[in-house]
Amino acid sequence: MTNPNVALLLGSCLLYLVLTVQSAPGKLNGRVVGGEDAAKAQFPHQVSLRYAGSHSCGGSILTRNFILTAAHCVSDEDENHVITPVAADRFTIRAGSNDRFSGGVLHQVAEVIIHEGYGNFLNDVALLRLESPLIFSSSIQPIDLPSVDTPADVDVIISGWGRIKHQGDLPRYLQYNTLKSISTEECEELIEFGFEGELCLLHVVDNGACNGDSGGPAVYNNQLVGVAGFVVDGCGSTYPDGYARVFYFKEWIKNHSDV
C-alpha cells in the first residue's frame, strides 16, 4: 500500500494534520462507527476525558487515582517537534455515566504523565493522576491490565463517544463495537505500521473508531489490551485502526502509577 492517510483520533475537531505513516507528525489531528448504545454500567472502566469542560477523548480507570489515555490527547507539539504535556488543570474526567453531558462524577486531573518515547504515532500512551480518588461503585470500576499479550484473530471490544461516521456527529451516549485483532506482520502489510507496541484492529467497512474515541479502551477477556490512537483513510475505512498495545506498556504503566 502506498502512503495511507493516517489521522489521530482527538475529539470533535482535527488538531493534527492528516499524515502519511512514513511522515513525522506535524501539528495533532477518534460514536464508535457502526456501534450501538452501551447498557448502563456495561463499561464501568470507561471515562470521558474533558478539555475545558467538553469531551475530547476517552480513558480507562486503572486505580482510584490513575486513568490511562492516549498521549496525543494531552500533549502539545511545537514547530521544533518538542512535545510537552498540556496543563493538568485544563482536564477533568467524567466517570460512572454513559451520558457525555451529565451523570456520574467529575474529577479534576492533577498530573499528566506522557510516555517519554511518544512521537511519530509511536508510544501513544499517557497517565492521568486525579486530584482526588474515585469511589468505586457498580458504575465506576477499574479494569485489569492484560496478563498475556493479545493474540491475533480474536474479538476485541472498543467503546467511546467518538463520531458515529466519518465527519459525523458525536453521540450523546456511549457506543461500543467488536473488532478483530490482527498480527503485527499483517498490520505491517496493510498499513506499514508493524510496530510491536501497536495493536491493529480490523473491521468491516463503516465500523471502527472515530474522532472522540482517542485514548479509549479496547478490551479482550475483560482486560484492557488497547488504547485508541489512529485511523487510516478516515473512520470506518477498509484499513485496520491503530491502538497502543497495552501489554507492551505494562511495565511503564506500573512504574508511573500505583497499579
Protein backbone atom coordinates (compact mmCIF):
# COMPACT_ATOMS: atom_id res chain seq x y z
CA MET A 1 0.00 0.00 0.00
CA THR A 2 1.30 3.47 -0.82
CA ASN A 3 1.25 6.30 1.73
CA PRO A 4 -2.07 5.68 3.57
CA ASN A 5 -3.57 8.74 5.21
CA VAL A 6 -3.35 8.37 8.97
CA ALA A 7 -5.21 10.62 11.39
CA LEU A 8 -5.04 10.70 15.16
CA LEU A 9 -8.42 10.48 16.85
CA LEU A 10 -8.87 13.57 19.01
CA GLY A 11 -12.27 14.99 19.90
CA SER A 12 -14.72 16.97 17.84
CA CYS A 13 -12.16 18.69 15.61
CA LEU A 14 -8.90 17.84 13.86
CA LEU A 15 -5.99 19.13 15.92
CA TYR A 16 -3.18 17.42 13.96
CA LEU A 17 -2.59 17.37 10.26
CA VAL A 18 -3.65 14.29 8.31
CA LEU A 19 -0.38 12.46 7.76
CA THR A 20 1.14 9.50 5.97
CA VAL A 21 2.51 6.64 8.01
CA GLN A 22 6.05 7.49 6.96
CA SER A 23 5.80 11.19 7.87
CA ALA A 24 6.60 12.65 11.26
CA PRO A 25 3.66 14.33 12.99
CA GLY A 26 3.11 17.98 12.22
CA LYS A 27 0.57 19.81 14.30
CA LEU A 28 -2.05 16.94 16.03
CA ASN A 29 -5.48 15.77 14.20
CA GLY A 30 -11.20 9.27 17.36
CA ARG A 31 -19.69 7.32 18.31
CA VAL A 32 -17.81 4.41 17.55
CA VAL A 33 -18.65 3.98 13.83
CA GLY A 34 -21.25 1.24 13.32
CA GLY A 35 -21.62 0.82 17.08
CA GLU A 36 -24.60 0.56 19.38
CA ASP A 37 -25.63 2.08 22.71
CA ALA A 38 -23.91 0.58 25.72
CA ALA A 39 -26.04 -0.65 28.62
CA LYS A 40 -25.79 1.11 31.98
CA ALA A 41 -22.56 0.10 33.75
CA GLN A 42 -21.56 -2.17 30.85
CA PHE A 43 -18.19 -0.39 30.70
CA PRO A 44 -17.60 0.89 34.25
CA HIS A 45 -13.90 1.46 33.46
CA GLN A 46 -14.67 3.95 30.66
CA VAL A 47 -14.29 7.66 31.32
CA SER A 48 -14.83 10.78 29.26
CA LEU A 49 -11.73 12.95 29.25
CA ARG A 50 -12.79 16.57 29.13
CA TYR A 51 -10.73 19.55 27.97
CA ALA A 52 -12.02 22.91 29.24
CA GLY A 53 -15.29 21.20 30.14
CA SER A 54 -16.01 19.45 26.83
CA HIS A 55 -15.47 15.83 25.83
CA SER A 56 -12.23 15.40 23.93
CA CYS A 57 -11.10 11.79 24.38
CA GLY A 58 -11.74 8.55 26.22
CA GLY A 59 -9.81 6.90 29.00
CA SER A 60 -9.77 3.85 31.26
CA ILE A 61 -9.77 3.60 35.05
CA LEU A 62 -6.73 1.68 36.31
CA THR A 63 -6.97 2.55 40.02
CA ARG A 64 -8.77 5.06 42.20
CA ASN A 65 -6.07 7.57 41.33
CA PHE A 66 -4.97 6.86 37.75
CA ILE A 67 -6.52 6.93 34.26
CA LEU A 68 -4.86 5.59 31.10
CA THR A 69 -5.39 7.54 27.87
CA ALA A 70 -3.54 8.46 24.66
CA ALA A 71 -0.54 10.79 24.74
CA HIS A 72 -1.87 12.82 21.79
CA CYS A 73 -4.97 13.67 23.85
CA VAL A 74 -2.95 15.50 26.49
CA SER A 75 0.09 16.94 24.72
CA ASP A 76 1.17 19.84 22.53
CA GLU A 77 3.89 19.85 19.87
CA ASP A 78 5.77 22.99 18.82
CA GLU A 79 7.37 23.87 15.49
CA ASN A 80 10.55 22.10 16.59
CA HIS A 81 8.57 18.90 17.27
CA VAL A 82 9.12 19.23 21.00
CA ILE A 83 6.24 17.55 22.82
CA THR A 84 5.03 18.88 26.17
CA PRO A 85 2.08 17.94 28.41
CA VAL A 86 -0.95 20.20 28.39
CA ALA A 87 -1.53 21.78 31.82
CA ALA A 88 -3.36 19.33 34.06
CA ASP A 89 -5.80 21.98 35.26
CA ARG A 90 -7.34 22.05 31.76
CA PHE A 91 -8.59 18.47 32.17
CA THR A 92 -11.35 16.73 34.09
CA ILE A 93 -12.78 13.24 33.72
CA ARG A 94 -16.40 12.10 33.94
CA ALA A 95 -16.77 8.59 35.36
CA GLY A 96 -19.81 6.46 36.04
CA SER A 97 -22.07 7.70 33.24
CA ASN A 98 -22.86 6.69 29.66
CA ASP A 99 -24.08 10.26 29.01
CA ARG A 100 -21.23 12.54 27.98
CA PHE A 101 -23.22 15.58 29.12
CA SER A 102 -24.32 14.55 32.61
CA GLY A 103 -24.38 11.97 35.39
CA GLY A 104 -21.66 10.14 37.22
CA VAL A 105 -18.89 12.18 38.85
CA LEU A 106 -16.42 14.78 37.66
CA HIS A 107 -12.82 14.66 38.90
CA GLN A 108 -10.05 17.15 38.31
CA VAL A 109 -6.78 15.90 36.78
CA ALA A 110 -3.76 16.77 38.94
CA GLU A 111 -0.90 15.47 36.77
CA VAL A 112 -0.34 14.47 33.13
CA ILE A 113 2.38 11.86 32.51
CA ILE A 114 3.27 11.31 28.84
CA HIS A 115 5.38 8.38 27.65
CA GLU A 116 8.87 9.75 27.14
CA GLY A 117 9.13 7.95 23.78
CA TYR A 118 5.91 9.40 22.34
CA GLY A 119 6.12 10.80 18.82
CA ASN A 120 5.58 9.83 15.20
CA PHE A 121 2.46 7.83 16.21
CA LEU A 122 4.59 5.59 18.48
CA ASN A 123 4.25 5.06 22.26
CA ASP A 124 0.94 6.92 22.26
CA VAL A 125 0.05 6.42 25.92
CA ALA A 126 -0.30 8.74 28.91
CA LEU A 127 -1.37 8.50 32.54
CA LEU A 128 -3.56 10.98 34.38
CA ARG A 129 -3.28 11.27 38.14
CA LEU A 130 -6.51 12.51 39.69
CA GLU A 131 -6.69 15.26 42.30
CA SER A 132 -8.96 13.11 44.48
CA PRO A 133 -9.53 9.34 44.38
CA LEU A 134 -12.53 7.78 42.71
CA ILE A 135 -15.08 5.98 44.86
CA PHE A 136 -15.81 2.64 43.24
CA SER A 137 -19.38 1.50 42.63
CA SER A 138 -21.28 -0.67 40.17
CA SER A 139 -20.77 2.02 37.50
CA ILE A 140 -17.18 3.02 38.41
CA GLN A 141 -14.66 0.19 38.37
CA PRO A 142 -11.01 -0.33 37.40
CA ILE A 143 -10.03 -2.65 34.58
CA ASP A 144 -7.14 -5.11 34.76
CA LEU A 145 -4.03 -4.84 32.63
CA PRO A 146 -3.52 -7.79 30.27
CA SER A 147 -1.97 -10.92 31.79
CA VAL A 148 -0.70 -12.10 28.38
CA ASP A 149 -0.08 -10.46 25.02
CA THR A 150 -3.16 -10.11 22.81
CA PRO A 151 -3.28 -12.88 20.19
CA ALA A 152 -4.28 -12.32 16.58
CA ASP A 153 -7.74 -13.21 15.27
CA VAL A 154 -9.73 -12.64 18.46
CA ASP A 155 -12.74 -10.40 19.07
CA VAL A 156 -11.84 -7.14 20.82
CA ILE A 157 -14.47 -4.73 22.14
CA ILE A 158 -13.98 -0.99 21.72
CA SER A 159 -16.07 1.77 23.28
CA GLY A 160 -16.30 5.54 23.21
CA TRP A 161 -18.14 8.73 22.39
CA GLY A 162 -16.42 9.23 19.03
CA ARG A 163 -18.18 10.30 15.85
CA ILE A 164 -20.86 7.95 14.51
CA LYS A 165 -19.43 8.23 10.98
CA HIS A 166 -16.55 9.97 9.23
CA GLN A 167 -17.00 13.72 9.80
CA GLY A 168 -20.32 12.95 11.51
CA ASP A 169 -21.75 13.95 14.88
CA LEU A 170 -20.69 12.87 18.34
CA PRO A 171 -23.27 10.72 20.12
CA ARG A 172 -24.68 11.64 23.50
CA TYR A 173 -24.49 8.09 24.84
CA LEU A 174 -21.56 5.69 24.99
CA GLN A 175 -21.20 3.36 22.00
CA TYR A 176 -19.40 0.06 21.54
CA ASN A 177 -18.42 -2.29 18.73
CA THR A 178 -16.49 -5.51 18.19
CA LEU A 179 -13.33 -5.56 16.05
CA LYS A 180 -10.82 -8.30 15.20
CA SER A 181 -7.17 -8.29 16.22
CA ILE A 182 -4.53 -8.99 13.58
CA SER A 183 -0.85 -9.87 13.81
CA THR A 184 1.96 -7.32 13.76
CA GLU A 185 3.05 -8.76 10.41
CA GLU A 186 -0.41 -8.32 8.88
CA CYS A 187 -0.57 -4.77 10.25
CA GLU A 188 2.75 -4.02 8.56
CA GLU A 189 1.45 -5.46 5.30
CA LEU A 190 -1.81 -3.50 5.39
CA ILE A 191 -0.74 -0.09 6.72
CA GLU A 192 3.06 -0.26 7.05
CA PHE A 193 2.87 0.08 10.83
CA GLY A 194 4.08 -3.22 12.27
CA PHE A 195 5.45 -1.70 15.47
CA GLU A 196 5.48 -4.24 18.33
CA GLY A 197 3.81 -1.72 20.62
CA GLU A 198 0.85 -1.34 18.24
CA LEU A 199 -2.37 -3.39 18.27
CA CYS A 200 -4.14 -3.24 14.92
CA LEU A 201 -7.86 -3.97 14.90
CA LEU A 202 -9.59 -4.94 11.68
CA HIS A 203 -13.24 -4.22 10.93
CA VAL A 204 -15.74 -4.26 8.12
CA VAL A 205 -16.40 -1.02 6.25
CA ASP A 206 -18.38 1.64 8.16
CA ASN A 207 -17.31 0.28 11.54
CA GLY A 208 -14.49 1.13 13.93
CA ALA A 209 -13.08 4.04 15.92
CA CYS A 210 -13.50 7.71 15.04
CA ASN A 211 -12.73 11.23 16.31
CA GLY A 212 -13.56 11.40 20.02
CA ASP A 213 -12.65 7.76 20.71
CA SER A 214 -8.93 8.52 21.17
CA GLY A 215 -7.47 7.26 24.41
CA GLY A 216 -10.43 4.96 24.95
CA PRO A 217 -10.27 1.25 25.68
CA ALA A 218 -10.04 -1.92 23.65
CA VAL A 219 -10.95 -4.93 25.80
CA TYR A 220 -10.29 -8.66 25.44
CA ASN A 221 -11.03 -11.26 28.15
CA ASN A 222 -12.17 -8.43 30.44
CA GLN A 223 -8.68 -6.92 30.33
CA LEU A 224 -7.51 -3.62 28.85
CA VAL A 225 -5.48 -4.51 25.76
CA GLY A 226 -5.53 -1.33 23.67
CA VAL A 227 -5.65 2.48 23.77
CA ALA A 228 -7.29 4.13 20.74
CA GLY A 229 -4.80 6.05 18.61
CA PHE A 230 -5.42 6.50 14.89
CA VAL A 231 -7.44 5.57 11.82
CA VAL A 232 -6.29 5.21 8.22
CA ASP A 233 -8.10 6.86 5.28
CA GLY A 234 -10.92 8.11 7.51
CA CYS A 235 -13.22 6.48 10.02
CA GLY A 236 -14.73 3.16 9.00
CA SER A 237 -12.37 2.62 6.05
CA THR A 238 -11.17 -0.75 4.77
CA TYR A 239 -7.95 -0.42 6.81
CA PRO A 240 -7.40 -1.50 10.42
CA ASP A 241 -7.45 1.02 13.28
CA GLY A 242 -4.34 1.60 15.39
CA TYR A 243 -4.36 1.10 19.16
CA ALA A 244 -1.42 1.20 21.56
CA ARG A 245 -0.78 -2.40 22.70
CA VAL A 246 -1.19 -2.19 26.49
CA PHE A 247 0.76 -5.39 27.19
CA TYR A 248 3.83 -3.76 25.64
CA PHE A 249 3.48 -0.79 28.01
CA LYS A 250 2.68 -2.74 31.19
CA GLU A 251 5.94 -2.05 32.98
CA TRP A 252 5.88 1.63 32.02
CA ILE A 253 2.33 1.91 33.41
CA LYS A 254 3.30 0.18 36.66
CA ASN A 255 6.41 2.33 37.05
CA HIS A 256 4.45 5.59 36.68
CA SER A 257 1.27 4.79 38.63
CA ASP A 258 0.01 2.92 41.68
CA VAL A 259 -1.19 -0.11 39.70
